[in-house]
Every structure is written in C-alpha cells, then in structure tokens.
Amino acid sequence: MPDVPKAEKFRGCLVGQALGDALGFVVEGRPPETCRRYVEDVLEGGGDIPFGQYSDDTQLARELLLSYAERGRFEPADYARRIVALFSEGRVVGPGRSTRAAARRLARGIPWNEAGTPPPAAGNGSAMRAGPIGLLFHDDPEGLVRAATVQGIITHADPRCSAGAVAVAGAVALALCRCPIEPAAFLARLAELTEGVEPGFASSLRRLTSWLPLPPDEAATHIAAEGLEHGPETRGIPPFVVGSVLWSLYSFLKSPDDYRRTIRTAIAAGGDTDTTAAMAGAMSGARLGLAAVPQDLTLHLTDRGTWGLSELVRLADECYEIKRSST
C-alpha cells in the first residue's frame, strides 16, 4: 500500500468512522435485502438518498478526542463529564439504553468507575467509540488495553464490552501500520490483547479466522449468532458487542485496502448498521488515510449543522500534534 503519513491516518480514522456511521444510520435495523439495495444506490450508483447526520457512535468518539485535545492526555473523569453534557443538553443522536442509563447515573453524581450498566447488558456503546484509543495508544499496547477498558466501563460494566472496546482500539492501532495486513496474524494479535479482559471474546476472535474465507451472507449467519445463547432475535447483525465487533472486523479484513467495499460489506448485512459501519470505517480510515474516504460523501457529514468534515479534520490534526509531541 502507499506510504500514507500518520497525520492523514488520524484524519481518515475519525472521518472514516463518521461517514460509515452516517451511511449506516439511514438503514439501522433494516433487513439485509433493504441494506444491500441501499449501499448499491449510494456507494455504487450515487443515488439521491439524504444522509449526513452521524449518530452517538461518532459523537462519543469525537468527545473522547475533544477531551484528549483539551487535557493533553486521556482523562476518564473528563470524558465522563462530556458524556453527561451530551445527554443533558439533548445533543445525543440515537443513544443506546445502557449508555443513556449510565449517563443518568453519572449526572446524579455516581463516580465514573461505578456508573456503567452491569451485566448481562452487553451492547455496543463502549466498543463503537473506542477507535480513537487506537490512535492515541498505538505505540503502547498495555496503555491501549487499559485506556480502552477504562473508557468503556464508564457506561458498560460487562467485561465483554471492555473486550470489544480493546478489539476495536487494537484493530485501529494495527491498521496504522504500513505493512501488509495478514488477517490470521491480525486476529491473533487482537485475541492476545483481549485474552486478559474476557477470554470468551478472545476465543470468538480466533473463530473469526475460519469465517473470513466465507462469502458475506454465510459469514454473517455465524457471526450474528456468536456469543448469543439463543441466536439473534432479528435478521442482520444484532446490537450485541460480540457479533457487531466481529462483523466490523470481517468487513475490514475482507477488503483492507478498499474503504468503499469495507463499508458496503458492513452495511449490507443489515441490523446495527450504523455501529458496524462506524467501527469498520474507523479501521479502514486509519489504514488508508483521509484520501481514501470518498470526499463526495464526506462533504455531507454533519451533527445537526455543526461538526462537519472540516471541523473533524481539525480535531484529528490537533490530537495528532499532541500525540506526536508527547513521543
């Protein structure tokens, strides 16, 4: 692959997540056949379907980076404060139940390390926003595991959620490498990172290696059911951290050098499409840089009229400079 400057990869990760999120948000919860038609229209044919607003997946990732930019380091108490503000000011878009409940507890004064929604709730809230941790701790595996876990328990106390956050952050960190991606080795490394957090999640990552050669429809059947006692209740990828993270990894590793194809795969399976496409988009953008993220689509990005493409790029640049100066 081309030698992409790391600053460009910071931009690509944040914008790549935002675009995947915004594209998937339009068809969140829809069945696979609807989602397949949608991605063909938007990503292939340039169909005139309105999109651009991204959801809490990217809002919360952005707030994590804003906290880092303000504090010059990852500080969980400050990040928790920003989560509360996002909810109390009515700015959050499409929140999950567990994150909302945790935000209410935080607002009542419960400490950030005690506010997370307890098991068995194991949604995507901690993993979907973990991409920036991979940027900030790409050169510090122990710090990455610690920070991904800590930012996650602010809202989700289930160890599967912590492991999902570590896997997403770890995937972004590995994607920053300029070397070719070998999927089996990539997943083995993520399994190593998550083993001490939740061994069952590490086992799921190892099983994903055997599903990567399968076509998307067949792979999605296995992945959607992974970790669920009775299988998914609806078609598509459910809003459960194990299957969602595995599907984002499948989508990225099937086409690590093609952002459009990665997002198309993430969304076409249906289900929790904004989250799977956000996580896969963060990985792909971190590998390929901003230039690989379709500019004609990124120009639509918005958070209710603010935080569009240029603002996201400036935030990524600021965080890159802080990270660069600290190493």
Protein backbone atom coordinates (compact mmCIF):
# COMPACT_ATOMS: atom_id res chain seq x y z
CA MET A 1 0.00 0.00 0.00
CA PRO A 2 1.17 3.61 -0.42
CA ASP A 3 3.14 5.28 2.36
CA VAL A 4 0.39 7.35 4.00
CA PRO A 5 1.54 9.96 6.57
CA LYS A 6 0.26 9.25 10.07
CA ALA A 7 -1.49 12.63 10.33
CA GLU A 8 -3.53 11.64 7.32
CA LYS A 9 -4.41 8.39 9.07
CA PHE A 10 -5.67 10.23 12.16
CA ARG A 11 -7.95 12.20 9.85
CA GLY A 12 -9.00 9.09 7.99
CA CYS A 13 -9.90 7.24 11.17
CA LEU A 14 -12.22 9.92 12.55
CA VAL A 15 -13.80 10.89 9.22
CA GLY A 16 -13.94 7.26 8.10
CA GLN A 17 -15.89 6.40 11.24
CA ALA A 18 -18.22 9.38 10.84
CA LEU A 19 -19.03 8.52 7.23
CA GLY A 20 -19.63 4.84 7.94
CA ASP A 21 -21.85 5.85 10.85
CA ALA A 22 -23.82 8.38 8.78
CA LEU A 23 -24.31 5.95 5.89
CA GLY A 24 -25.38 3.11 8.18
CA PHE A 25 -27.63 5.30 10.31
CA VAL A 26 -30.10 5.68 7.43
CA VAL A 27 -30.90 1.94 7.39
CA GLU A 28 -30.21 0.97 11.00
CA GLY A 29 -32.34 -2.01 11.99
CA ARG A 30 -33.38 -2.82 8.42
CA PRO A 31 -33.13 -6.34 6.92
CA PRO A 32 -30.20 -7.34 4.70
CA GLU A 33 -32.02 -7.07 1.37
CA THR A 34 -33.02 -3.45 2.10
CA CYS A 35 -29.49 -2.61 3.16
CA ARG A 36 -27.97 -4.22 0.07
CA ARG A 37 -30.15 -2.12 -2.23
CA TYR A 38 -29.27 0.98 -0.26
CA VAL A 39 -25.50 0.57 -0.46
CA GLU A 40 -25.73 -0.19 -4.17
CA ASP A 41 -27.62 3.06 -4.71
CA VAL A 42 -25.44 5.27 -2.51
CA LEU A 43 -21.97 3.73 -2.70
CA GLU A 44 -22.18 2.44 -6.25
CA GLY A 45 -24.71 4.48 -8.16
CA GLY A 46 -24.64 7.76 -6.27
CA GLY A 47 -28.35 7.61 -5.57
CA ASP A 48 -30.11 10.70 -4.26
CA ILE A 49 -30.75 9.43 -0.72
CA PRO A 50 -30.36 12.04 2.02
CA PHE A 51 -27.77 11.27 4.66
CA GLY A 52 -25.01 13.02 6.57
CA GLN A 53 -26.09 13.07 10.21
CA TYR A 54 -23.97 10.69 12.21
CA SER A 55 -25.07 9.13 15.47
CA ASP A 56 -23.82 8.73 19.03
CA ASP A 57 -21.19 6.28 17.76
CA THR A 58 -19.20 9.18 16.31
CA GLN A 59 -20.39 11.83 18.75
CA LEU A 60 -18.90 9.86 21.63
CA ALA A 61 -15.68 9.11 19.74
CA ARG A 62 -15.41 12.82 18.94
CA GLU A 63 -15.94 13.77 22.59
CA LEU A 64 -13.15 11.42 23.60
CA LEU A 65 -10.78 13.20 21.22
CA LEU A 66 -12.02 16.59 22.37
CA SER A 67 -11.23 15.62 25.94
CA TYR A 68 -7.75 14.49 24.89
CA ALA A 69 -7.17 17.72 22.99
CA GLU A 70 -8.21 19.83 25.98
CA ARG A 71 -6.38 17.85 28.65
CA GLY A 72 -3.39 16.69 26.65
CA ARG A 73 -3.98 13.12 27.80
CA PHE A 74 -6.77 10.60 28.22
CA GLU A 75 -8.61 11.50 31.41
CA PRO A 76 -11.67 9.33 32.16
CA ALA A 77 -13.29 11.75 34.61
CA ASP A 78 -13.29 14.50 32.00
CA TYR A 79 -14.59 12.15 29.34
CA ALA A 80 -17.40 11.08 31.66
CA ARG A 81 -18.27 14.74 32.18
CA ARG A 82 -18.54 15.18 28.42
CA ILE A 83 -20.83 12.16 28.11
CA VAL A 84 -23.14 13.69 30.72
CA ALA A 85 -23.16 17.02 28.88
CA LEU A 86 -24.00 15.37 25.57
CA PHE A 87 -27.07 13.76 27.12
CA SER A 88 -28.17 16.55 29.48
CA GLU A 89 -28.04 19.12 26.68
CA GLY A 90 -30.13 16.91 24.40
CA ARG A 91 -27.44 16.65 21.75
CA VAL A 92 -27.08 12.87 21.58
CA VAL A 93 -28.39 11.14 18.44
CA GLY A 94 -29.71 7.57 18.58
CA PRO A 95 -28.39 6.53 22.00
CA GLY A 96 -28.48 3.00 23.36
CA ARG A 97 -30.33 2.18 26.56
CA SER A 98 -27.26 1.20 28.56
CA THR A 99 -25.36 4.37 27.67
CA ARG A 100 -28.37 6.53 28.47
CA ALA A 101 -28.85 4.81 31.82
CA ALA A 102 -25.17 5.23 32.69
CA ALA A 103 -25.30 8.91 31.74
CA ARG A 104 -28.20 9.40 34.14
CA ARG A 105 -26.23 7.76 36.94
CA LEU A 106 -23.23 9.95 36.18
CA ALA A 107 -25.46 13.03 36.26
CA ARG A 108 -26.64 12.00 39.74
CA GLY A 109 -23.04 12.05 40.95
CA ILE A 110 -22.18 8.36 40.80
CA PRO A 111 -18.41 8.06 40.11
CA TRP A 112 -17.41 7.28 36.55
CA ASN A 113 -15.89 3.93 37.53
CA GLU A 114 -19.14 2.80 39.17
CA ALA A 115 -21.74 4.13 36.73
CA GLY A 116 -21.53 1.50 33.99
CA THR A 117 -24.60 -0.61 33.26
CA PRO A 118 -23.95 -4.06 34.78
CA PRO A 119 -24.07 -7.45 33.03
CA PRO A 120 -25.79 -9.05 31.26
CA ALA A 121 -26.28 -5.84 29.25
CA ALA A 122 -23.60 -6.09 26.57
CA GLY A 123 -24.38 -3.59 23.84
CA ASN A 124 -22.02 -1.73 21.56
CA GLY A 125 -21.67 1.57 23.41
CA SER A 126 -18.11 1.11 24.65
CA ALA A 127 -16.71 -0.54 21.50
CA MET A 128 -18.26 1.84 18.96
CA ARG A 129 -16.35 4.83 20.35
CA ALA A 130 -13.01 3.08 21.02
CA GLY A 131 -11.32 3.80 17.69
CA PRO A 132 -9.57 6.97 18.94
CA ILE A 133 -7.92 4.95 21.72
CA GLY A 134 -6.12 3.02 18.99
CA LEU A 135 -4.79 6.28 17.59
CA LEU A 136 -3.64 7.67 20.92
CA PHE A 137 -2.07 4.44 22.24
CA HIS A 138 -0.92 2.75 19.03
CA ASP A 139 2.64 2.56 20.38
CA ASP A 140 1.68 1.39 23.89
CA PRO A 141 -0.21 -1.95 23.94
CA GLU A 142 -0.58 -2.04 27.71
CA GLY A 143 -1.80 1.54 27.77
CA LEU A 144 -4.21 0.76 24.93
CA VAL A 145 -5.80 -2.13 26.80
CA ARG A 146 -6.05 -0.06 29.97
CA ALA A 147 -7.49 3.04 28.29
CA ALA A 148 -9.95 1.11 26.11
CA THR A 149 -11.20 -0.75 29.16
CA VAL A 150 -11.43 2.36 31.32
CA GLN A 151 -13.32 4.45 28.77
CA GLY A 152 -15.70 1.53 28.31
CA ILE A 153 -16.63 0.91 31.93
CA ILE A 154 -17.90 4.47 32.22
CA THR A 155 -21.09 3.20 30.57
CA HIS A 156 -20.76 -0.60 30.26
CA ALA A 157 -19.54 -2.82 33.10
CA ASP A 158 -19.82 -6.16 31.27
CA PRO A 159 -16.30 -7.48 30.51
CA ARG A 160 -17.44 -8.46 27.01
CA CYS A 161 -17.98 -4.76 26.33
CA SER A 162 -14.50 -3.96 27.60
CA ALA A 163 -13.02 -6.67 25.39
CA GLY A 164 -14.94 -5.32 22.39
CA ALA A 165 -13.50 -1.86 23.03
CA VAL A 166 -9.99 -3.31 23.26
CA ALA A 167 -10.52 -5.20 20.00
CA VAL A 168 -11.66 -2.09 18.11
CA ALA A 169 -8.88 0.07 19.54
CA GLY A 170 -6.37 -2.67 18.82
CA ALA A 171 -7.59 -3.02 15.25
CA VAL A 172 -7.16 0.72 14.65
CA ALA A 173 -3.65 0.60 16.13
CA LEU A 174 -2.70 -2.34 13.92
CA ALA A 175 -4.27 -0.68 10.89
CA LEU A 176 -1.94 2.29 11.30
CA CYS A 177 0.99 0.05 10.40
CA ARG A 178 2.32 0.48 6.86
CA CYS A 179 2.93 -3.24 6.42
CA PRO A 180 0.56 -5.58 4.56
CA ILE A 181 -2.26 -6.99 6.64
CA GLU A 182 -2.32 -10.74 7.17
CA PRO A 183 -5.78 -11.48 8.60
CA ALA A 184 -4.90 -14.52 10.71
CA ALA A 185 -2.00 -12.74 12.39
CA PHE A 186 -4.13 -9.59 12.81
CA LEU A 187 -6.85 -11.52 14.64
CA ALA A 188 -4.33 -13.50 16.69
CA ARG A 189 -2.87 -10.24 17.97
CA LEU A 190 -6.32 -8.92 18.89
CA ALA A 191 -7.03 -12.19 20.71
CA GLU A 192 -3.83 -11.68 22.72
CA LEU A 193 -4.89 -8.16 23.66
CA THR A 194 -8.38 -9.24 24.78
CA GLU A 195 -7.44 -12.53 26.49
CA GLY A 196 -6.89 -10.95 29.89
CA VAL A 197 -10.03 -8.84 29.63
CA GLU A 198 -12.56 -11.51 28.64
CA PRO A 199 -11.27 -14.91 27.44
CA GLY A 200 -14.53 -15.77 25.68
CA PHE A 201 -14.18 -12.74 23.43
CA ALA A 202 -10.63 -13.78 22.56
CA SER A 203 -11.96 -17.21 21.56
CA SER A 204 -14.54 -15.55 19.31
CA LEU A 205 -11.79 -13.57 17.60
CA ARG A 206 -9.90 -16.78 16.92
CA ARG A 207 -13.04 -18.40 15.46
CA LEU A 208 -13.44 -15.43 13.12
CA THR A 209 -10.30 -16.59 11.29
CA SER A 210 -12.20 -19.62 9.98
CA TRP A 211 -15.15 -17.48 8.84
CA LEU A 212 -13.15 -14.92 6.88
CA PRO A 213 -12.97 -17.07 3.71
CA LEU A 214 -16.77 -17.41 3.66
CA PRO A 215 -18.96 -15.15 1.48
CA PRO A 216 -20.68 -12.37 3.45
CA ASP A 217 -24.14 -13.96 3.66
CA GLU A 218 -22.74 -17.20 5.07
CA ALA A 219 -20.27 -15.48 7.39
CA ALA A 220 -22.99 -13.18 8.74
CA THR A 221 -25.04 -16.18 9.86
CA HIS A 222 -22.20 -17.42 12.05
CA ILE A 223 -21.13 -14.01 13.30
CA ALA A 224 -24.63 -12.76 14.19
CA ALA A 225 -25.14 -15.75 16.47
CA GLU A 226 -21.72 -15.67 18.12
CA GLY A 227 -21.94 -15.32 21.88
CA LEU A 228 -25.75 -15.40 21.97
CA GLU A 229 -27.36 -18.23 23.89
CA HIS A 230 -30.46 -18.43 21.69
CA GLY A 231 -29.26 -16.78 18.49
CA PRO A 232 -30.23 -13.33 17.17
CA GLU A 233 -33.84 -12.23 17.58
CA THR A 234 -33.89 -10.34 14.28
CA ARG A 235 -32.22 -10.63 10.91
CA GLY A 236 -28.90 -8.92 10.40
CA ILE A 237 -26.16 -8.16 12.91
CA PRO A 238 -27.71 -7.58 16.36
CA PRO A 239 -26.76 -4.68 18.65
CA PHE A 240 -24.65 -7.05 20.75
CA VAL A 241 -20.98 -6.31 21.22
CA VAL A 242 -19.52 -9.68 20.22
CA GLY A 243 -21.25 -10.05 16.86
CA SER A 244 -21.02 -6.38 15.99
CA VAL A 245 -17.27 -6.14 16.60
CA LEU A 246 -16.65 -9.40 14.75
CA TRP A 247 -18.66 -8.17 11.77
CA SER A 248 -16.78 -4.88 11.63
CA LEU A 249 -13.52 -6.83 11.64
CA TYR A 250 -14.79 -9.20 8.95
CA SER A 251 -15.82 -6.24 6.78
CA PHE A 252 -12.43 -4.57 7.16
CA LEU A 253 -10.27 -7.66 6.76
CA LYS A 254 -12.12 -8.77 3.60
CA SER A 255 -11.01 -5.55 1.88
CA PRO A 256 -8.36 -3.74 3.97
CA ASP A 257 -7.32 -1.55 1.05
CA ASP A 258 -10.79 -0.53 -0.17
CA TYR A 259 -12.83 1.80 2.06
CA ARG A 260 -15.99 1.70 -0.09
CA ARG A 261 -16.08 -2.07 -0.18
CA THR A 262 -15.50 -2.29 3.57
CA ILE A 263 -18.44 -0.01 4.28
CA ARG A 264 -20.60 -1.77 1.71
CA THR A 265 -19.96 -5.11 3.43
CA ALA A 266 -20.58 -3.69 6.90
CA ILE A 267 -23.96 -2.21 5.97
CA ALA A 268 -25.25 -4.87 3.57
CA ALA A 269 -25.64 -7.44 6.35
CA GLY A 270 -28.38 -5.33 7.95
CA GLY A 271 -29.09 -4.91 11.64
CA ASP A 272 -26.98 -2.47 13.69
CA THR A 273 -25.56 -0.90 10.55
CA ASP A 274 -24.50 2.48 11.90
CA THR A 275 -22.30 0.87 14.54
CA THR A 276 -20.76 -1.86 12.39
CA ALA A 277 -20.01 0.63 9.61
CA ALA A 278 -18.64 3.18 12.10
CA MET A 279 -16.19 0.68 13.60
CA ALA A 280 -15.19 -0.75 10.22
CA GLY A 281 -14.84 2.78 8.83
CA ALA A 282 -12.52 3.78 11.68
CA MET A 283 -10.28 0.79 10.92
CA SER A 284 -10.27 1.38 7.18
CA GLY A 285 -9.69 5.12 7.51
CA ALA A 286 -6.81 4.53 9.91
CA ARG A 287 -5.15 2.25 7.39
CA LEU A 288 -5.78 4.17 4.19
CA GLY A 289 -5.94 7.80 5.28
CA LEU A 290 -8.46 10.51 4.53
CA ALA A 291 -7.78 10.50 0.78
CA ALA A 292 -9.30 7.01 0.53
CA VAL A 293 -12.56 8.10 2.17
CA PRO A 294 -14.93 9.31 -0.58
CA GLN A 295 -14.82 13.10 -0.49
CA ASP A 296 -18.10 13.48 -2.38
CA LEU A 297 -19.77 11.73 0.55
CA THR A 298 -17.79 13.24 3.41
CA LEU A 299 -18.95 16.71 2.39
CA HIS A 300 -22.41 15.73 3.67
CA LEU A 301 -21.23 14.98 7.21
CA THR A 302 -22.90 16.97 9.96
CA ASP A 303 -24.01 16.87 13.55
CA ARG A 304 -27.16 18.95 13.34
CA GLY A 305 -25.41 21.65 11.35
CA THR A 306 -22.08 21.52 13.21
CA TRP A 307 -19.01 19.32 13.29
CA GLY A 308 -18.80 18.64 9.59
CA LEU A 309 -15.78 17.49 7.62
CA SER A 310 -13.52 20.49 8.21
CA GLU A 311 -14.12 20.53 11.97
CA LEU A 312 -13.48 16.80 12.26
CA VAL A 313 -10.24 17.14 10.30
CA ARG A 314 -9.06 19.99 12.54
CA LEU A 315 -9.74 17.92 15.66
CA ALA A 316 -7.84 14.94 14.24
CA ASP A 317 -4.90 17.21 13.38
CA GLU A 318 -4.85 18.72 16.87
CA CYS A 319 -4.81 15.31 18.51
CA TYR A 320 -2.13 14.08 16.13
CA GLU A 321 0.11 17.02 17.04
CA ILE A 322 -0.39 16.41 20.77
CA LYS A 323 0.42 12.74 20.33
CA ARG A 324 3.46 13.48 18.15
CA SER A 325 4.88 16.00 20.59
CA SER A 326 4.48 13.63 23.51
CA THR A 327 6.50 10.80 21.96
